[in-house]
């Protein structure tokens, strides 16, 4: 079983013609205890709130700036918080 699942909230995920929020719902219907982090360039607060309300354990904004120490610290904290649930 996966410890954490990252889902890109792109408008359409090509293989399934679903957006990330639809995938989030499908994952949680299959496994209500799944720890899902959304990864998205969409920064609109209502989208973030909706994903967290549906059951995402966190929301990380793209681009993933893995060379940026502050971003990495925040990202690590988000993952640790999701895993501690």
PDB file of N, CA and C in Angstrom:
ATOM      1  N   UNK A   1       0.847  -1.179   0.000  1.00  0.00           N
ATOM      2  CA  UNK A   1       0.000   0.000   0.000  1.00  0.00           C
ATOM      3  C   UNK A   1       0.891   1.241   0.000  1.00  0.00           C
ATOM      4  N   UNK A   2       0.510   2.230  -0.769  1.00  0.00           N
ATOM      5  CA  UNK A   2       1.265   3.480  -0.836  1.00  0.00           C
ATOM      6  C   UNK A   2       1.131   4.236   0.477  1.00  0.00           C
ATOM      7  N   UNK A   3       2.208   4.870   0.897  1.00  0.00           N
ATOM      8  CA  UNK A   3       2.154   5.683   2.110  1.00  0.00           C
ATOM      9  C   UNK A   3       1.569   7.055   1.808  1.00  0.00           C
ATOM     10  N   UNK A   4       1.844   7.549   0.586  1.00  0.00           N
ATOM     11  CA  UNK A   4       1.326   8.853   0.192  1.00  0.00           C
ATOM     12  C   UNK A   4       1.171   8.864  -1.331  1.00  0.00           C
ATOM     13  N   UNK A   5       0.153   9.529  -1.811  1.00  0.00           N
ATOM     14  CA  UNK A   5      -0.126   9.596  -3.238  1.00  0.00           C
ATOM     15  C   UNK A   5      -0.099  11.059  -3.660  1.00  0.00           C
ATOM     16  N   UNK A   6       0.669  11.378  -4.697  1.00  0.00           N
ATOM     17  CA  UNK A   6       0.691  12.727  -5.258  1.00  0.00           C
ATOM     18  C   UNK A   6      -0.202  12.734  -6.491  1.00  0.00           C
ATOM     19  N   UNK A   7      -1.139  13.681  -6.560  1.00  0.00           N
ATOM     20  CA  UNK A   7      -2.043  13.796  -7.702  1.00  0.00           C
ATOM     21  C   UNK A   7      -1.908  15.185  -8.288  1.00  0.00           C
ATOM     22  N   UNK A   8      -1.636  15.244  -9.569  1.00  0.00           N
ATOM     23  CA  UNK A   8      -1.539  16.521 -10.281  1.00  0.00           C
ATOM     24  C   UNK A   8      -2.950  16.989 -10.614  1.00  0.00           C
ATOM     25  N   UNK A   9      -3.283  18.207 -10.230  1.00  0.00           N
ATOM     26  CA  UNK A   9      -4.621  18.748 -10.479  1.00  0.00           C
ATOM     27  C   UNK A   9      -4.668  19.468 -11.816  1.00  0.00           C
ATOM     28  N   UNK A  10      -4.162  18.811 -12.857  1.00  0.00           N
ATOM     29  CA  UNK A  10      -4.240  19.362 -14.205  1.00  0.00           C
ATOM     30  C   UNK A  10      -5.690  19.313 -14.664  1.00  0.00           C
ATOM     31  N   UNK A  11      -6.048  20.183 -15.615  1.00  0.00           N
ATOM     32  CA  UNK A  11      -7.440  20.175 -16.081  1.00  0.00           C
ATOM     33  C   UNK A  11      -7.892  18.809 -16.586  1.00  0.00           C
ATOM     34  N   UNK A  12      -7.049  18.116 -17.330  1.00  0.00           N
ATOM     35  CA  UNK A  12      -7.409  16.781 -17.793  1.00  0.00           C
ATOM     36  C   UNK A  12      -6.182  15.896 -17.772  1.00  0.00           C
ATOM     37  N   UNK A  13      -6.313  14.782 -17.109  1.00  0.00           N
ATOM     38  CA  UNK A  13      -5.255  13.787 -17.112  1.00  0.00           C
ATOM     39  C   UNK A  13      -5.551  12.896 -18.321  1.00  0.00           C
ATOM     40  N   UNK A  14      -4.690  12.925 -19.293  1.00  0.00           N
ATOM     41  CA  UNK A  14      -4.942  12.385 -20.624  1.00  0.00           C
ATOM     42  C   UNK A  14      -5.499  10.961 -20.630  1.00  0.00           C
ATOM     43  N   UNK A  15      -4.944  10.081 -19.867  1.00  0.00           N
ATOM     44  CA  UNK A  15      -5.348   8.678 -19.931  1.00  0.00           C
ATOM     45  C   UNK A  15      -6.802   8.465 -19.517  1.00  0.00           C
ATOM     46  N   UNK A  16      -7.325   9.307 -18.639  1.00  0.00           N
ATOM     47  CA  UNK A  16      -8.662   9.061 -18.109  1.00  0.00           C
ATOM     48  C   UNK A  16      -9.664  10.171 -18.425  1.00  0.00           C
ATOM     49  N   UNK A  17      -9.211  11.260 -19.026  1.00  0.00           N
ATOM     50  CA  UNK A  17     -10.081  12.420 -19.271  1.00  0.00           C
ATOM     51  C   UNK A  17     -10.718  12.941 -17.982  1.00  0.00           C
ATOM     52  N   UNK A  18     -10.008  12.837 -16.888  1.00  0.00           N
ATOM     53  CA  UNK A  18     -10.471  13.345 -15.598  1.00  0.00           C
ATOM     54  C   UNK A  18      -9.501  14.399 -15.113  1.00  0.00           C
ATOM     55  N   UNK A  19     -10.007  15.304 -14.295  1.00  0.00           N
ATOM     56  CA  UNK A  19      -9.101  16.256 -13.668  1.00  0.00           C
ATOM     57  C   UNK A  19      -8.615  15.669 -12.347  1.00  0.00           C
ATOM     58  N   UNK A  20      -7.680  16.367 -11.723  1.00  0.00           N
ATOM     59  CA  UNK A  20      -7.090  15.860 -10.490  1.00  0.00           C
ATOM     60  C   UNK A  20      -8.087  15.688  -9.367  1.00  0.00           C
ATOM     61  N   UNK A  21      -9.057  16.619  -9.276  1.00  0.00           N
ATOM     62  CA  UNK A  21     -10.065  16.501  -8.210  1.00  0.00           C
ATOM     63  C   UNK A  21     -10.929  15.259  -8.389  1.00  0.00           C
ATOM     64  N   UNK A  22     -11.252  14.925  -9.642  1.00  0.00           N
ATOM     65  CA  UNK A  22     -12.019  13.696  -9.901  1.00  0.00           C
ATOM     66  C   UNK A  22     -11.204  12.473  -9.513  1.00  0.00           C
ATOM     67  N   UNK A  23      -9.914  12.498  -9.811  1.00  0.00           N
ATOM     68  CA  UNK A  23      -9.032  11.396  -9.414  1.00  0.00           C
ATOM     69  C   UNK A  23      -8.953  11.290  -7.899  1.00  0.00           C
ATOM     70  N   UNK A  24      -8.882  12.426  -7.215  1.00  0.00           N
ATOM     71  CA  UNK A  24      -8.861  12.442  -5.749  1.00  0.00           C
ATOM     72  C   UNK A  24     -10.098  11.740  -5.203  1.00  0.00           C
ATOM     73  N   UNK A  25     -11.255  12.085  -5.732  1.00  0.00           N
ATOM     74  CA  UNK A  25     -12.508  11.476  -5.280  1.00  0.00           C
ATOM     75  C   UNK A  25     -12.488   9.973  -5.541  1.00  0.00           C
ATOM     76  N   UNK A  26     -12.036   9.558  -6.728  1.00  0.00           N
ATOM     77  CA  UNK A  26     -11.961   8.126  -7.054  1.00  0.00           C
ATOM     78  C   UNK A  26     -11.032   7.385  -6.100  1.00  0.00           C
ATOM     79  N   UNK A  27      -9.883   7.971  -5.822  1.00  0.00           N
ATOM     80  CA  UNK A  27      -8.922   7.336  -4.910  1.00  0.00           C
ATOM     81  C   UNK A  27      -9.535   7.155  -3.533  1.00  0.00           C
ATOM     82  N   UNK A  28     -10.188   8.206  -3.026  1.00  0.00           N
ATOM     83  CA  UNK A  28     -10.756   8.147  -1.679  1.00  0.00           C
ATOM     84  C   UNK A  28     -11.973   7.230  -1.604  1.00  0.00           C
ATOM     85  N   UNK A  29     -12.693   7.077  -2.717  1.00  0.00           N
ATOM     86  CA  UNK A  29     -13.794   6.098  -2.731  1.00  0.00           C
ATOM     87  C   UNK A  29     -13.227   4.686  -2.641  1.00  0.00           C
ATOM     88  N   UNK A  30     -12.091   4.451  -3.292  1.00  0.00           N
ATOM     89  CA  UNK A  30     -11.447   3.137  -3.261  1.00  0.00           C
ATOM     90  C   UNK A  30     -10.781   2.878  -1.906  1.00  0.00           C
ATOM     91  N   UNK A  31     -10.162   3.912  -1.341  1.00  0.00           N
ATOM     92  CA  UNK A  31      -9.459   3.791  -0.058  1.00  0.00           C
ATOM     93  C   UNK A  31      -9.655   5.077   0.743  1.00  0.00           C
ATOM     94  N   UNK A  32     -10.670   5.112   1.599  1.00  0.00           N
ATOM     95  CA  UNK A  32     -10.969   6.330   2.371  1.00  0.00           C
ATOM     96  C   UNK A  32      -9.825   6.798   3.278  1.00  0.00           C
ATOM     97  N   UNK A  33      -8.856   5.914   3.525  1.00  0.00           N
ATOM     98  CA  UNK A  33      -7.731   6.275   4.395  1.00  0.00           C
ATOM     99  C   UNK A  33      -6.494   6.699   3.603  1.00  0.00           C
ATOM    100  N   UNK A  34      -6.622   6.789   2.282  1.00  0.00           N
ATOM    101  CA  UNK A  34      -5.484   7.178   1.442  1.00  0.00           C
ATOM    102  C   UNK A  34      -5.009   8.575   1.827  1.00  0.00           C
ATOM    103  N   UNK A  35      -3.709   8.745   1.806  1.00  0.00           N
ATOM    104  CA  UNK A  35      -3.100  10.050   2.090  1.00  0.00           C
ATOM    105  C   UNK A  35      -2.701  10.660   0.754  1.00  0.00           C
ATOM    106  N   UNK A  36      -3.528  11.594   0.292  1.00  0.00           N
ATOM    107  CA  UNK A  36      -3.343  12.179  -1.026  1.00  0.00           C
ATOM    108  C   UNK A  36      -2.907  13.636  -0.892  1.00  0.00           C
ATOM    109  N   UNK A  37      -1.827  13.974  -1.587  1.00  0.00           N
ATOM    110  CA  UNK A  37      -1.394  15.367  -1.698  1.00  0.00           C
ATOM    111  C   UNK A  37      -1.675  15.824  -3.120  1.00  0.00           C
ATOM    112  N   UNK A  38      -2.330  16.945  -3.253  1.00  0.00           N
ATOM    113  CA  UNK A  38      -2.585  17.520  -4.570  1.00  0.00           C
ATOM    114  C   UNK A  38      -1.390  18.392  -4.940  1.00  0.00           C
ATOM    115  N   UNK A  39      -1.002  18.337  -6.201  1.00  0.00           N
ATOM    116  CA  UNK A  39       0.084  19.156  -6.737  1.00  0.00           C
ATOM    117  C   UNK A  39      -0.503  19.913  -7.912  1.00  0.00           C
ATOM    118  N   UNK A  40      -0.451  21.248  -7.872  1.00  0.00           N
ATOM    119  CA  UNK A  40      -1.146  21.997  -8.913  1.00  0.00           C
ATOM    120  C   UNK A  40      -0.561  23.378  -9.121  1.00  0.00           C
ATOM    121  N   UNK A  41      -0.723  23.869 -10.340  1.00  0.00           N
ATOM    122  CA  UNK A  41      -0.390  25.264 -10.649  1.00  0.00           C
ATOM    123  C   UNK A  41      -1.593  26.154 -10.379  1.00  0.00           C
ATOM    124  N   UNK A  42      -2.744  25.553 -10.099  1.00  0.00           N
ATOM    125  CA  UNK A  42      -3.959  26.314  -9.808  1.00  0.00           C
ATOM    126  C   UNK A  42      -3.875  26.812  -8.376  1.00  0.00           C
ATOM    127  N   UNK A  43      -3.852  28.126  -8.220  1.00  0.00           N
ATOM    128  CA  UNK A  43      -3.663  28.706  -6.891  1.00  0.00           C
ATOM    129  C   UNK A  43      -4.948  29.311  -6.332  1.00  0.00           C
ATOM    130  N   UNK A  44      -6.058  29.129  -7.037  1.00  0.00           N
ATOM    131  CA  UNK A  44      -7.324  29.708  -6.603  1.00  0.00           C
ATOM    132  C   UNK A  44      -7.752  29.081  -5.278  1.00  0.00           C
ATOM    133  N   UNK A  45      -7.987  29.923  -4.295  1.00  0.00           N
ATOM    134  CA  UNK A  45      -8.342  29.451  -2.956  1.00  0.00           C
ATOM    135  C   UNK A  45      -9.535  28.488  -2.957  1.00  0.00           C
ATOM    136  N   UNK A  46     -10.603  28.750  -3.721  1.00  0.00           N
ATOM    137  CA  UNK A  46     -11.732  27.802  -3.703  1.00  0.00           C
ATOM    138  C   UNK A  46     -11.341  26.392  -4.154  1.00  0.00           C
ATOM    139  N   UNK A  47     -10.418  26.286  -5.095  1.00  0.00           N
ATOM    140  CA  UNK A  47      -9.958  24.975  -5.564  1.00  0.00           C
ATOM    141  C   UNK A  47      -9.193  24.267  -4.455  1.00  0.00           C
ATOM    142  N   UNK A  48      -8.305  24.994  -3.788  1.00  0.00           N
ATOM    143  CA  UNK A  48      -7.528  24.421  -2.682  1.00  0.00           C
ATOM    144  C   UNK A  48      -8.467  23.953  -1.578  1.00  0.00           C
ATOM    145  N   UNK A  49      -9.396  24.813  -1.183  1.00  0.00           N
ATOM    146  CA  UNK A  49     -10.339  24.475  -0.109  1.00  0.00           C
ATOM    147  C   UNK A  49     -11.176  23.255  -0.498  1.00  0.00           C
ATOM    148  N   UNK A  50     -11.630  23.212  -1.754  1.00  0.00           N
ATOM    149  CA  UNK A  50     -12.430  22.077  -2.210  1.00  0.00           C
ATOM    150  C   UNK A  50     -11.652  20.767  -2.091  1.00  0.00           C
ATOM    151  N   UNK A  51     -10.410  20.767  -2.538  1.00  0.00           N
ATOM    152  CA  UNK A  51      -9.595  19.548  -2.469  1.00  0.00           C
ATOM    153  C   UNK A  51      -9.363  19.118  -1.026  1.00  0.00           C
ATOM    154  N   UNK A  52      -9.091  20.073  -0.156  1.00  0.00           N
ATOM    155  CA  UNK A  52      -8.865  19.736   1.251  1.00  0.00           C
ATOM    156  C   UNK A  52     -10.156  19.261   1.904  1.00  0.00           C
ATOM    157  N   UNK A  53     -11.288  19.846   1.530  1.00  0.00           N
ATOM    158  CA  UNK A  53     -12.580  19.433   2.071  1.00  0.00           C
ATOM    159  C   UNK A  53     -12.942  18.028   1.617  1.00  0.00           C
ATOM    160  N   UNK A  54     -12.643  17.707   0.367  1.00  0.00           N
ATOM    161  CA  UNK A  54     -12.926  16.371  -0.172  1.00  0.00           C
ATOM    162  C   UNK A  54     -12.083  15.319   0.535  1.00  0.00           C
ATOM    163  N   UNK A  55     -10.867  15.692   0.962  1.00  0.00           N
ATOM    164  CA  UNK A  55     -10.056  14.725   1.704  1.00  0.00           C
ATOM    165  C   UNK A  55      -8.574  14.731   1.413  1.00  0.00           C
ATOM    166  N   UNK A  56      -8.113  15.642   0.550  1.00  0.00           N
ATOM    167  CA  UNK A  56      -6.666  15.740   0.331  1.00  0.00           C
ATOM    168  C   UNK A  56      -5.993  16.130   1.641  1.00  0.00           C
ATOM    169  N   UNK A  57      -4.825  15.572   1.887  1.00  0.00           N
ATOM    170  CA  UNK A  57      -4.089  15.868   3.121  1.00  0.00           C
ATOM    171  C   UNK A  57      -3.206  17.102   2.986  1.00  0.00           C
ATOM    172  N   UNK A  58      -3.073  17.607   1.764  1.00  0.00           N
ATOM    173  CA  UNK A  58      -2.271  18.806   1.543  1.00  0.00           C
ATOM    174  C   UNK A  58      -2.376  19.243   0.100  1.00  0.00           C
ATOM    175  N   UNK A  59      -1.894  20.444  -0.158  1.00  0.00           N
ATOM    176  CA  UNK A  59      -1.973  21.036  -1.493  1.00  0.00           C
ATOM    177  C   UNK A  59      -0.657  21.760  -1.734  1.00  0.00           C
ATOM    178  N   UNK A  60       0.080  21.323  -2.736  1.00  0.00           N
ATOM    179  CA  UNK A  60       1.395  21.880  -3.034  1.00  0.00           C
ATOM    180  C   UNK A  60       1.315  22.599  -4.374  1.00  0.00           C
ATOM    181  N   UNK A  61       1.796  23.839  -4.404  1.00  0.00           N
ATOM    182  CA  UNK A  61       1.745  24.625  -5.631  1.00  0.00           C
ATOM    183  C   UNK A  61       2.931  24.338  -6.534  1.00  0.00           C
ATOM    184  N   UNK A  62       2.638  24.205  -7.835  1.00  0.00           N
ATOM    185  CA  UNK A  62       3.693  24.108  -8.845  1.00  0.00           C
ATOM    186  C   UNK A  62       4.068  25.519  -9.266  1.00  0.00           C
ATOM    187  N   UNK A  63       5.221  25.718  -9.761  1.00  0.00           N
ATOM    188  CA  UNK A  63       6.213  24.684 -10.040  1.00  0.00           C
ATOM    189  C   UNK A  63       6.889  24.207  -8.757  1.00  0.00           C
ATOM    190  N   UNK A  64       7.263  22.939  -8.773  1.00  0.00           N
ATOM    191  CA  UNK A  64       8.002  22.388  -7.643  1.00  0.00           C
ATOM    192  C   UNK A  64       9.426  22.917  -7.737  1.00  0.00           C
ATOM    193  N   UNK A  65       9.775  23.772  -6.823  1.00  0.00           N
ATOM    194  CA  UNK A  65      11.093  24.420  -6.835  1.00  0.00           C
ATOM    195  C   UNK A  65      12.046  23.638  -5.934  1.00  0.00           C
ATOM    196  N   UNK A  66      12.467  22.487  -6.410  1.00  0.00           N
ATOM    197  CA  UNK A  66      13.262  21.583  -5.586  1.00  0.00           C
ATOM    198  C   UNK A  66      14.656  22.120  -5.284  1.00  0.00           C
ATOM    199  N   UNK A  67      15.074  23.154  -5.974  1.00  0.00           N
ATOM    200  CA  UNK A  67      16.370  23.783  -5.699  1.00  0.00           C
ATOM    201  C   UNK A  67      16.239  24.896  -4.648  1.00  0.00           C
ATOM    202  N   UNK A  68      15.007  25.222  -4.256  1.00  0.00           N
ATOM    203  CA  UNK A  68      14.714  26.307  -3.312  1.00  0.00           C
ATOM    204  C   UNK A  68      14.556  25.711  -1.904  1.00  0.00           C
ATOM    205  N   UNK A  69      15.457  26.077  -1.009  1.00  0.00           N
ATOM    206  CA  UNK A  69      15.470  25.492   0.337  1.00  0.00           C
ATOM    207  C   UNK A  69      14.167  25.759   1.095  1.00  0.00           C
ATOM    208  N   UNK A  70      13.616  26.966   0.975  1.00  0.00           N
ATOM    209  CA  UNK A  70      12.365  27.300   1.674  1.00  0.00           C
ATOM    210  C   UNK A  70      11.214  26.426   1.164  1.00  0.00           C
ATOM    211  N   UNK A  71      11.132  26.279  -0.167  1.00  0.00           N
ATOM    212  CA  UNK A  71      10.088  25.426  -0.733  1.00  0.00           C
ATOM    213  C   UNK A  71      10.240  23.996  -0.234  1.00  0.00           C
ATOM    214  N   UNK A  72      11.455  23.475  -0.260  1.00  0.00           N
ATOM    215  CA  UNK A  72      11.698  22.090   0.167  1.00  0.00           C
ATOM    216  C   UNK A  72      11.319  21.885   1.626  1.00  0.00           C
ATOM    217  N   UNK A  73      11.596  22.863   2.455  1.00  0.00           N
ATOM    218  CA  UNK A  73      11.225  22.775   3.869  1.00  0.00           C
ATOM    219  C   UNK A  73       9.708  22.716   4.011  1.00  0.00           C
ATOM    220  N   UNK A  74       8.989  23.577   3.279  1.00  0.00           N
ATOM    221  CA  UNK A  74       7.525  23.574   3.327  1.00  0.00           C
ATOM    222  C   UNK A  74       6.965  22.266   2.777  1.00  0.00           C
ATOM    223  N   UNK A  75       7.529  21.791   1.662  1.00  0.00           N
ATOM    224  CA  UNK A  75       7.068  20.556   1.030  1.00  0.00           C
ATOM    225  C   UNK A  75       7.276  19.381   1.983  1.00  0.00           C
ATOM    226  N   UNK A  76       8.448  19.320   2.602  1.00  0.00           N
ATOM    227  CA  UNK A  76       8.744  18.258   3.569  1.00  0.00           C
ATOM    228  C   UNK A  76       7.746  18.309   4.729  1.00  0.00           C
ATOM    229  N   UNK A  77       7.435  19.510   5.202  1.00  0.00           N
ATOM    230  CA  UNK A  77       6.467  19.670   6.289  1.00  0.00           C
ATOM    231  C   UNK A  77       5.078  19.192   5.887  1.00  0.00           C
ATOM    232  N   UNK A  78       4.680  19.482   4.659  1.00  0.00           N
ATOM    233  CA  UNK A  78       3.377  19.032   4.161  1.00  0.00           C
ATOM    234  C   UNK A  78       3.320  17.511   4.117  1.00  0.00           C
ATOM    235  N   UNK A  79       4.389  16.892   3.639  1.00  0.00           N
ATOM    236  CA  UNK A  79       4.430  15.423   3.567  1.00  0.00           C
ATOM    237  C   UNK A  79       4.421  14.828   4.976  1.00  0.00           C
ATOM    238  N   UNK A  80       5.200  15.380   5.889  1.00  0.00           N
ATOM    239  CA  UNK A  80       5.238  14.864   7.256  1.00  0.00           C
ATOM    240  C   UNK A  80       3.877  14.987   7.928  1.00  0.00           C
ATOM    241  N   UNK A  81       3.181  16.108   7.688  1.00  0.00           N
ATOM    242  CA  UNK A  81       1.853  16.307   8.270  1.00  0.00           C
ATOM    243  C   UNK A  81       0.870  15.269   7.714  1.00  0.00           C
ATOM    244  N   UNK A  82       0.959  15.012   6.407  1.00  0.00           N
ATOM    245  CA  UNK A  82       0.064  14.012   5.797  1.00  0.00           C
ATOM    246  C   UNK A  82       0.332  12.612   6.352  1.00  0.00           C
ATOM    247  N   UNK A  83       1.589  12.288   6.586  1.00  0.00           N
ATOM    248  CA  UNK A  83       1.945  10.970   7.087  1.00  0.00           C
ATOM    249  C   UNK A  83       1.608  10.798   8.570  1.00  0.00           C
ATOM    250  N   UNK A  84       1.518  11.894   9.303  1.00  0.00           N
ATOM    251  CA  UNK A  84       1.250  11.792  10.745  1.00  0.00           C
ATOM    252  C   UNK A  84      -0.241  11.637  11.041  1.00  0.00           C
ATOM    253  N   UNK A  85      -1.063  11.816  10.045  1.00  0.00           N
ATOM    254  CA  UNK A  85      -2.512  11.725  10.220  1.00  0.00           C
ATOM    255  C   UNK A  85      -2.956  10.331  10.576  1.00  0.00           C
TER     256      UNK A  85
END
